[in-house]
Amino acid sequence: APGLRPPELDAYAALGIGDDHESVEPWEVVEKLRRGIWILVREGTTERNLEGLLRPLIGKMRDFRFFAFCTDDKHPNDILTEGHIDYCVRRAIELGIDPVEAIRMATLNPALHFRLDADLGSLAPHRLADILLLRDLERVEIDTVLFEGRVVFRNGGLIWSPRPKEIPEEYMRSVHVPEGLRPMDLLIGAKGEEALVRVIEIVPEQIVNREVRRWLPIEGGFIRAQYPVNHLAVVERHGRGGGIGRGFVEGFSLESGAIASTVAHDHHNLVVVGASPEDMVAAVRILEQAGGGFVAVRDSKPLALVPLPFLGLMSTEPAEKVVEALEEANEAAKELGCPLRAPFMQLEFVTLPTVPDLGMTDLGLVDARSFTLVDPVLETK
């Protein structure tokens, strides 16, 4: 519930909402705490909220007993280089929170909140022996990890391997896009010479976006994106009607080509952004063949591909291979002109219809402030 104010926030809390991980501003934290809502401080790949929330509250909060950490979405390259919840603890300590308080926010606090404290959250008889041994408290340098009493990690390496899982074949064939998809199918038709349109403007390293309005040219009966605005489309991929949502986005700044993803919160259809409708269709087809993933395309050929064949959401490869492919995809997006540090993570969230201002779905453009479908085209002349 980002940006939600009373009385709507009161109604939200009255539904029994117990926690929230979408706070962006410190005032949101205070208002939610006053209504008994726990604060999950988020620090992910594109959701960099930890410092902005905690720094203003240090010295003003009596304690942080109703706070815990989360990452929401974090790509494996960031997990390998930064860490996961341990990174949140380190950042909190660097900002000035007492190390014991910061560690409690990652252990006892969430265990209490989720009513798991009979098993987790503390070192005590009858609790599960899920334990981290640290070399350094303030730097949270992990030396040894015990899981259910077994040492699984020591001196920087795993000493235990998880058992491979059998994946049903149908889970590996989840991308079904309309047959005969053409470039014009991803464009918005219009009459006249130019159109005033709603555009989703990306906020770097945040999942919220802004609605902005831009005049774009009409050529050959279709509204054409003009740099730095790109075409945006969401293609239904679950075999449920083949709907296509069409619109525009600003912030990816692609000068050529297209990028696409089958990770698209939370409906996880196929989302594609591009300067070229032809490359957008090529990206859709490449992901259909791959069973899902991320792709960057130029001249209808893949520059980089991250296959995610398990439901179009996950890889079956080791993390190191996924990281290598993801870094190649990020570099390919940069070659196309994209300035974003994590372009595919940003792409995953332009489809979220519940976070302001706008979200693109296979049904069309959703205004997340009113939860209504809105026309991307406001005026033509």
Protein backbone atom coordinates (compact mmCIF):
# COMPACT_ATOMS: atom_id res chain seq x y z
CA ALA A 1 0.00 0.00 0.00
CA PRO A 2 2.51 2.67 -1.07
CA GLY A 3 1.47 6.25 -0.42
CA LEU A 4 -1.83 5.28 1.22
CA ARG A 5 -3.15 7.97 3.58
CA PRO A 6 -6.02 8.11 6.08
CA PRO A 7 -8.92 7.46 5.86
CA GLU A 8 -8.13 4.88 3.14
CA LEU A 9 -5.25 3.60 5.28
CA ASP A 10 -7.68 3.10 8.19
CA ALA A 11 -9.93 1.01 5.97
CA TYR A 12 -6.91 -0.95 4.76
CA ALA A 13 -5.82 -1.72 8.33
CA ALA A 14 -9.39 -2.66 9.28
CA LEU A 15 -9.24 -5.51 6.78
CA GLY A 16 -6.73 -7.19 9.08
CA ILE A 17 -3.57 -6.30 7.18
CA GLY A 18 -0.67 -7.28 9.43
CA ASP A 19 2.38 -6.00 7.55
CA ASP A 20 3.43 -3.92 4.58
CA HIS A 21 6.60 -3.95 2.49
CA GLU A 22 5.71 -1.12 0.10
CA SER A 23 6.62 1.95 2.19
CA VAL A 24 8.78 4.44 0.31
CA GLU A 25 8.59 7.53 2.56
CA PRO A 26 9.21 7.73 6.36
CA TRP A 27 5.76 9.24 7.00
CA GLU A 28 4.23 6.02 5.64
CA VAL A 29 6.13 4.01 8.25
CA VAL A 30 4.81 6.16 11.09
CA GLU A 31 1.20 6.08 9.89
CA LYS A 32 1.24 2.31 9.41
CA LEU A 33 2.84 1.65 12.79
CA ARG A 34 0.14 3.75 14.45
CA ARG A 35 -2.42 1.39 12.95
CA GLY A 36 -0.69 -1.78 14.13
CA ILE A 37 0.86 -2.67 10.78
CA TRP A 38 4.36 -4.14 10.90
CA ILE A 39 6.97 -2.57 8.63
CA LEU A 40 8.97 -4.84 6.34
CA VAL A 41 11.90 -2.67 5.26
CA ARG A 42 12.65 -3.54 1.66
CA GLU A 43 16.02 -3.55 -0.09
CA GLY A 44 16.01 -5.41 -3.38
CA THR A 45 17.45 -4.95 -6.84
CA THR A 46 15.20 -2.08 -7.85
CA GLU A 47 13.46 -1.47 -4.52
CA ARG A 48 16.14 0.49 -2.68
CA ASN A 49 14.11 1.71 0.30
CA LEU A 50 16.19 0.78 3.36
CA GLU A 51 18.25 3.94 3.80
CA GLY A 52 15.41 6.28 2.91
CA LEU A 53 13.16 4.69 5.55
CA LEU A 54 15.58 3.99 8.39
CA ARG A 55 17.96 6.96 8.38
CA PRO A 56 15.28 9.57 9.28
CA LEU A 57 13.95 7.32 12.08
CA ILE A 58 17.24 6.57 13.86
CA GLY A 59 17.26 8.41 17.16
CA LYS A 60 13.53 9.11 16.92
CA MET A 61 12.18 5.59 17.36
CA ARG A 62 12.24 4.09 20.85
CA ASP A 63 13.05 0.75 19.24
CA PHE A 64 12.49 -1.22 16.07
CA ARG A 65 10.56 -4.12 17.54
CA PHE A 66 7.83 -3.92 14.87
CA PHE A 67 10.29 -3.85 11.97
CA ALA A 68 11.72 -6.68 9.88
CA PHE A 69 13.64 -6.87 6.61
CA CYS A 70 12.69 -8.16 3.19
CA THR A 71 14.15 -7.99 -0.30
CA ASP A 72 10.96 -8.46 -2.34
CA ASP A 73 12.65 -9.13 -5.71
CA LYS A 74 16.42 -9.47 -5.89
CA HIS A 75 18.29 -10.83 -8.88
CA PRO A 76 20.91 -13.54 -8.28
CA ASN A 77 23.81 -11.31 -9.37
CA ASP A 78 22.96 -8.88 -6.57
CA ILE A 79 22.52 -11.72 -4.07
CA LEU A 80 25.97 -13.09 -4.94
CA THR A 81 27.73 -9.71 -4.75
CA GLU A 82 25.81 -8.07 -1.88
CA GLY A 83 23.99 -10.78 0.01
CA HIS A 84 20.34 -11.14 0.92
CA ILE A 85 18.89 -10.38 4.36
CA ASP A 86 22.46 -10.25 5.68
CA TYR A 87 23.00 -7.25 3.39
CA CYS A 88 19.99 -5.52 4.97
CA VAL A 89 21.50 -6.09 8.42
CA ARG A 90 24.86 -4.68 7.32
CA ARG A 91 23.26 -1.59 5.80
CA ALA A 92 21.20 -0.96 8.94
CA ILE A 93 24.32 -1.18 11.12
CA GLU A 94 26.18 1.17 8.76
CA LEU A 95 23.35 3.67 9.14
CA GLY A 96 23.73 3.61 12.93
CA ILE A 97 21.32 1.00 14.22
CA ASP A 98 22.75 -1.07 17.08
CA PRO A 99 24.01 -4.44 15.73
CA VAL A 100 21.87 -6.42 18.19
CA GLU A 101 18.78 -4.44 17.15
CA ALA A 102 19.57 -4.95 13.46
CA ILE A 103 20.07 -8.69 13.90
CA ARG A 104 16.83 -8.92 15.86
CA MET A 105 15.05 -7.29 12.90
CA ALA A 106 16.24 -10.24 10.79
CA THR A 107 15.57 -13.02 13.30
CA LEU A 108 13.34 -12.69 16.36
CA ASN A 109 11.10 -9.91 15.04
CA PRO A 110 9.90 -11.73 11.90
CA ALA A 111 9.57 -14.98 13.86
CA LEU A 112 7.28 -13.24 16.34
CA HIS A 113 5.28 -11.51 13.63
CA PHE A 114 4.69 -14.66 11.62
CA ARG A 115 4.03 -16.69 14.79
CA LEU A 116 7.00 -18.95 14.11
CA ASP A 117 8.81 -18.13 17.34
CA ALA A 118 8.11 -21.59 18.78
CA ASP A 119 10.58 -22.91 16.19
CA LEU A 120 12.61 -19.96 14.88
CA GLY A 121 14.05 -16.60 15.83
CA SER A 122 16.14 -17.45 18.89
CA LEU A 123 18.77 -19.87 20.15
CA ALA A 124 16.95 -21.86 22.80
CA PRO A 125 15.91 -25.42 23.66
CA HIS A 126 13.28 -26.89 21.36
CA ARG A 127 14.01 -24.34 18.59
CA LEU A 128 15.28 -25.45 15.20
CA ALA A 129 19.04 -25.27 14.95
CA ASP A 130 19.12 -22.81 12.04
CA ILE A 131 22.22 -20.86 13.05
CA LEU A 132 24.71 -18.42 11.54
CA LEU A 133 28.19 -18.14 13.01
CA LEU A 134 29.80 -14.77 12.25
CA ARG A 135 33.43 -13.76 11.96
CA ASP A 136 32.55 -10.13 12.63
CA LEU A 137 29.38 -8.85 14.27
CA GLU A 138 29.15 -5.39 12.72
CA ARG A 139 30.19 -6.47 9.23
CA VAL A 140 27.97 -9.57 9.48
CA GLU A 141 30.65 -11.76 7.90
CA ILE A 142 29.20 -15.26 7.80
CA ASP A 143 31.63 -18.06 8.60
CA THR A 144 29.35 -21.08 9.11
CA VAL A 145 25.70 -21.90 8.44
CA LEU A 146 23.77 -24.64 10.20
CA PHE A 147 20.41 -25.74 8.81
CA GLU A 148 18.32 -27.98 11.04
CA GLY A 149 21.44 -28.80 13.01
CA ARG A 150 23.61 -29.70 10.01
CA VAL A 151 26.56 -27.64 8.83
CA VAL A 152 25.76 -26.73 5.21
CA PHE A 153 28.19 -23.84 4.63
CA ARG A 154 31.68 -23.16 5.97
CA ASN A 155 34.63 -20.93 5.00
CA GLY A 156 32.94 -19.44 1.96
CA GLY A 157 31.59 -22.61 0.38
CA LEU A 158 28.69 -25.05 0.44
CA ILE A 159 29.46 -28.45 1.91
CA TRP A 160 25.97 -29.80 1.23
CA SER A 161 24.09 -30.11 -2.05
CA PRO A 162 20.31 -30.02 -2.37
CA ARG A 163 18.64 -33.01 -3.99
CA PRO A 164 17.52 -32.34 -7.61
CA LYS A 165 13.77 -32.08 -8.05
CA GLU A 166 11.72 -33.71 -10.76
CA ILE A 167 9.82 -31.04 -12.71
CA PRO A 168 6.59 -32.03 -14.50
CA GLU A 169 6.94 -31.51 -18.25
CA GLU A 170 3.85 -29.29 -18.49
CA TYR A 171 5.52 -26.80 -16.14
CA MET A 172 8.21 -26.32 -18.78
CA ARG A 173 5.74 -25.34 -21.52
CA SER A 174 3.97 -22.30 -20.15
CA VAL A 175 4.42 -19.70 -22.90
CA HIS A 176 1.52 -19.66 -25.37
CA VAL A 177 1.24 -16.49 -27.44
CA PRO A 178 -1.22 -15.73 -30.26
CA GLU A 179 -0.41 -17.30 -33.62
CA GLY A 180 0.37 -14.94 -36.46
CA LEU A 181 1.39 -12.07 -34.18
CA ARG A 182 2.37 -9.05 -36.30
CA PRO A 183 4.23 -5.82 -35.45
CA MET A 184 1.05 -3.78 -35.98
CA ASP A 185 -0.69 -5.92 -33.34
CA LEU A 186 1.53 -4.28 -30.71
CA LEU A 187 0.70 -0.73 -31.82
CA ILE A 188 -2.23 1.61 -31.10
CA GLY A 189 -4.21 2.70 -34.13
CA ALA A 190 -5.28 6.33 -34.45
CA LYS A 191 -6.37 8.96 -36.97
CA GLY A 192 -4.77 12.36 -37.36
CA GLU A 193 -1.22 13.63 -37.21
CA GLU A 194 -0.32 13.35 -33.53
CA ALA A 195 -1.72 12.00 -30.26
CA LEU A 196 -1.50 12.98 -26.61
CA VAL A 197 -0.90 9.76 -24.67
CA ARG A 198 -0.39 8.54 -21.13
CA VAL A 199 3.17 7.29 -20.62
CA ILE A 200 4.56 5.18 -17.77
CA GLU A 201 7.68 7.00 -16.58
CA ILE A 202 10.17 4.73 -14.81
CA VAL A 203 11.59 5.81 -11.45
CA PRO A 204 15.09 4.25 -11.36
CA GLU A 205 15.64 1.75 -8.51
CA GLN A 206 12.00 2.00 -7.42
CA ILE A 207 8.93 0.04 -8.46
CA VAL A 208 6.59 3.03 -8.30
CA ASN A 209 6.22 4.96 -11.54
CA ARG A 210 4.75 8.26 -12.69
CA GLU A 211 2.10 9.01 -15.25
CA VAL A 212 3.36 11.60 -17.70
CA ARG A 213 1.77 12.82 -20.91
CA ARG A 214 3.50 13.16 -24.25
CA TRP A 215 2.57 14.13 -27.80
CA LEU A 216 3.61 11.41 -30.26
CA PRO A 217 3.35 11.29 -34.06
CA ILE A 218 0.74 9.26 -35.94
CA GLU A 219 2.21 7.53 -38.98
CA GLY A 220 0.43 5.10 -41.27
CA GLY A 221 -2.58 4.95 -38.96
CA PHE A 222 -0.59 4.05 -35.83
CA ILE A 223 0.83 6.08 -32.95
CA ARG A 224 4.61 5.82 -33.07
CA ALA A 225 6.90 6.02 -30.07
CA GLN A 226 9.58 8.67 -30.29
CA TYR A 227 12.83 8.58 -28.30
CA PRO A 228 13.07 8.57 -25.30
CA VAL A 229 9.54 7.09 -25.28
CA ASN A 230 9.31 3.41 -26.28
CA HIS A 231 6.47 1.14 -27.26
CA LEU A 232 5.16 -1.12 -24.48
CA ALA A 233 3.03 -4.23 -24.86
CA VAL A 234 1.83 -7.06 -22.65
CA VAL A 235 0.91 -10.28 -24.46
CA GLU A 236 -1.20 -12.86 -22.63
CA ARG A 237 0.87 -16.06 -22.49
CA HIS A 238 -1.13 -18.51 -20.36
CA GLY A 239 -3.52 -19.64 -23.10
CA ARG A 240 -6.40 -17.62 -21.64
CA GLY A 241 -7.58 -15.58 -24.61
CA GLY A 242 -4.45 -14.03 -26.06
CA GLY A 243 -5.23 -10.46 -25.05
CA ILE A 244 -2.72 -7.68 -25.75
CA GLY A 245 -2.28 -4.48 -23.77
CA ARG A 246 -0.62 -1.63 -25.64
CA GLY A 247 0.94 1.60 -24.46
CA PHE A 248 4.09 3.61 -23.95
CA VAL A 249 6.92 3.81 -21.45
CA GLU A 250 9.72 6.29 -20.77
CA GLY A 251 12.95 5.49 -18.96
CA PHE A 252 14.23 2.45 -20.84
CA SER A 253 15.33 4.85 -23.60
CA LEU A 254 15.94 2.15 -26.19
CA GLU A 255 17.37 3.66 -29.36
CA SER A 256 16.89 0.41 -31.28
CA GLY A 257 15.73 -3.14 -30.73
CA ALA A 258 13.60 -4.51 -27.91
CA ILE A 259 13.77 -6.26 -24.55
CA ALA A 260 11.19 -8.69 -23.18
CA SER A 261 10.39 -10.79 -20.11
CA THR A 262 7.93 -13.48 -19.03
CA VAL A 263 8.39 -12.38 -15.43
CA ALA A 264 5.76 -9.66 -15.15
CA HIS A 265 4.20 -9.00 -11.77
CA ASP A 266 1.85 -10.35 -10.78
CA HIS A 267 0.02 -11.86 -13.74
CA HIS A 268 3.33 -12.94 -15.36
CA ASN A 269 2.31 -12.47 -18.94
CA LEU A 270 4.89 -11.55 -21.57
CA VAL A 271 5.97 -7.91 -21.43
CA VAL A 272 7.99 -6.30 -24.19
CA VAL A 273 9.45 -2.80 -24.63
CA GLY A 274 10.98 -1.61 -27.86
CA ALA A 275 11.95 1.06 -30.32
CA SER A 276 11.08 -1.31 -33.17
CA PRO A 277 7.75 -3.20 -33.38
CA GLU A 278 9.44 -5.79 -35.61
CA ASP A 279 12.06 -6.47 -32.93
CA MET A 280 9.30 -6.60 -30.31
CA VAL A 281 7.57 -9.42 -32.20
CA ALA A 282 10.91 -11.20 -32.62
CA ALA A 283 11.48 -10.95 -28.85
CA VAL A 284 8.05 -12.46 -28.18
CA ARG A 285 8.77 -15.39 -30.50
CA ILE A 286 12.23 -16.03 -29.05
CA LEU A 287 10.81 -16.23 -25.53
CA GLU A 288 8.03 -18.52 -26.74
CA GLN A 289 10.65 -20.89 -28.15
CA ALA A 290 12.78 -20.67 -24.99
CA GLY A 291 9.84 -21.38 -22.70
CA GLY A 292 10.23 -17.96 -21.08
CA GLY A 293 12.93 -15.74 -19.66
CA PHE A 294 14.58 -12.43 -20.52
CA VAL A 295 15.79 -11.44 -23.98
CA ALA A 296 17.38 -8.47 -25.75
CA VAL A 297 16.87 -8.28 -29.51
CA ARG A 298 18.22 -6.19 -32.38
CA ASP A 299 17.48 -6.72 -36.09
CA SER A 300 15.18 -9.60 -35.08
CA LYS A 301 18.10 -11.55 -33.62
CA PRO A 302 18.82 -12.23 -29.93
CA LEU A 303 21.74 -10.29 -28.47
CA ALA A 304 21.35 -12.12 -25.16
CA LEU A 305 18.93 -14.62 -23.65
CA VAL A 306 18.29 -15.73 -20.07
CA PRO A 307 16.15 -18.90 -20.33
CA LEU A 308 13.63 -19.31 -17.49
CA PRO A 309 11.78 -22.43 -18.65
CA PHE A 310 10.19 -23.43 -15.32
CA LEU A 311 6.79 -21.70 -15.67
CA GLY A 312 8.57 -18.90 -17.50
CA LEU A 313 9.74 -17.66 -14.11
CA MET A 314 12.70 -19.73 -12.94
CA SER A 315 15.85 -21.33 -14.25
CA THR A 316 16.89 -24.94 -13.81
CA GLU A 317 20.58 -23.98 -14.09
CA PRO A 318 22.99 -23.23 -11.21
CA ALA A 319 22.96 -19.66 -9.92
CA GLU A 320 26.40 -18.92 -11.36
CA LYS A 321 25.21 -19.69 -14.90
CA VAL A 322 22.11 -17.58 -14.43
CA VAL A 323 24.22 -14.67 -13.19
CA GLU A 324 26.50 -14.92 -16.24
CA ALA A 325 23.52 -14.92 -18.62
CA LEU A 326 21.82 -12.07 -16.75
CA GLU A 327 24.93 -9.90 -16.90
CA GLU A 328 25.12 -10.51 -20.66
CA ALA A 329 21.47 -9.50 -20.98
CA ASN A 330 22.02 -6.33 -18.96
CA GLU A 331 24.97 -5.44 -21.19
CA ALA A 332 22.90 -6.10 -24.30
CA ALA A 333 20.17 -3.78 -23.03
CA LYS A 334 22.85 -1.14 -22.49
CA GLU A 335 23.96 -1.60 -26.12
CA LEU A 336 20.39 -0.78 -27.15
CA GLY A 337 20.62 2.47 -25.20
CA CYS A 338 19.09 1.52 -21.85
CA PRO A 339 20.67 3.45 -18.94
CA LEU A 340 19.08 1.40 -16.15
CA ARG A 341 21.27 -0.70 -13.85
CA ALA A 342 18.75 -3.56 -13.76
CA PRO A 343 16.57 -3.15 -16.86
CA PHE A 344 14.82 -6.51 -16.65
CA MET A 345 13.85 -6.01 -13.02
CA GLN A 346 12.39 -2.61 -13.92
CA LEU A 347 10.57 -4.29 -16.80
CA GLU A 348 9.00 -6.81 -14.42
CA PHE A 349 7.24 -4.03 -12.52
CA VAL A 350 5.73 -1.87 -15.30
CA THR A 351 3.03 -4.56 -15.42
CA LEU A 352 2.05 -4.29 -11.76
CA PRO A 353 -1.48 -2.79 -11.64
CA THR A 354 -1.50 -2.25 -7.87
CA VAL A 355 1.39 0.20 -7.42
CA PRO A 356 0.96 3.83 -8.55
CA ASP A 357 0.73 5.38 -10.97
CA LEU A 358 0.07 2.99 -13.87
CA GLY A 359 0.44 -0.70 -14.72
CA MET A 360 0.14 -2.43 -18.10
CA THR A 361 -1.76 -5.72 -18.33
CA ASP A 362 -3.04 -7.94 -21.13
CA LEU A 363 -6.43 -6.28 -20.56
CA GLY A 364 -4.99 -2.82 -21.05
CA LEU A 365 -3.58 0.07 -19.03
CA VAL A 366 -4.61 0.20 -15.36
CA ASP A 367 -4.65 3.34 -13.22
CA ALA A 368 -3.42 1.93 -9.90
CA ARG A 369 -4.81 4.93 -8.01
CA SER A 370 -8.41 4.25 -9.02
CA PHE A 371 -8.10 0.57 -10.05
CA THR A 372 -9.73 1.29 -13.39
CA LEU A 373 -8.76 0.57 -16.97
CA VAL A 374 -7.86 3.80 -18.76
CA ASP A 375 -7.29 4.65 -22.39
CA PRO A 376 -3.63 5.38 -23.18
CA VAL A 377 -4.81 7.89 -25.79
CA LEU A 378 -6.16 11.16 -24.42
CA GLU A 379 -6.45 13.26 -27.56
CA THR A 380 -5.61 13.27 -31.26
CA LYS A 381 -5.35 16.12 -33.74
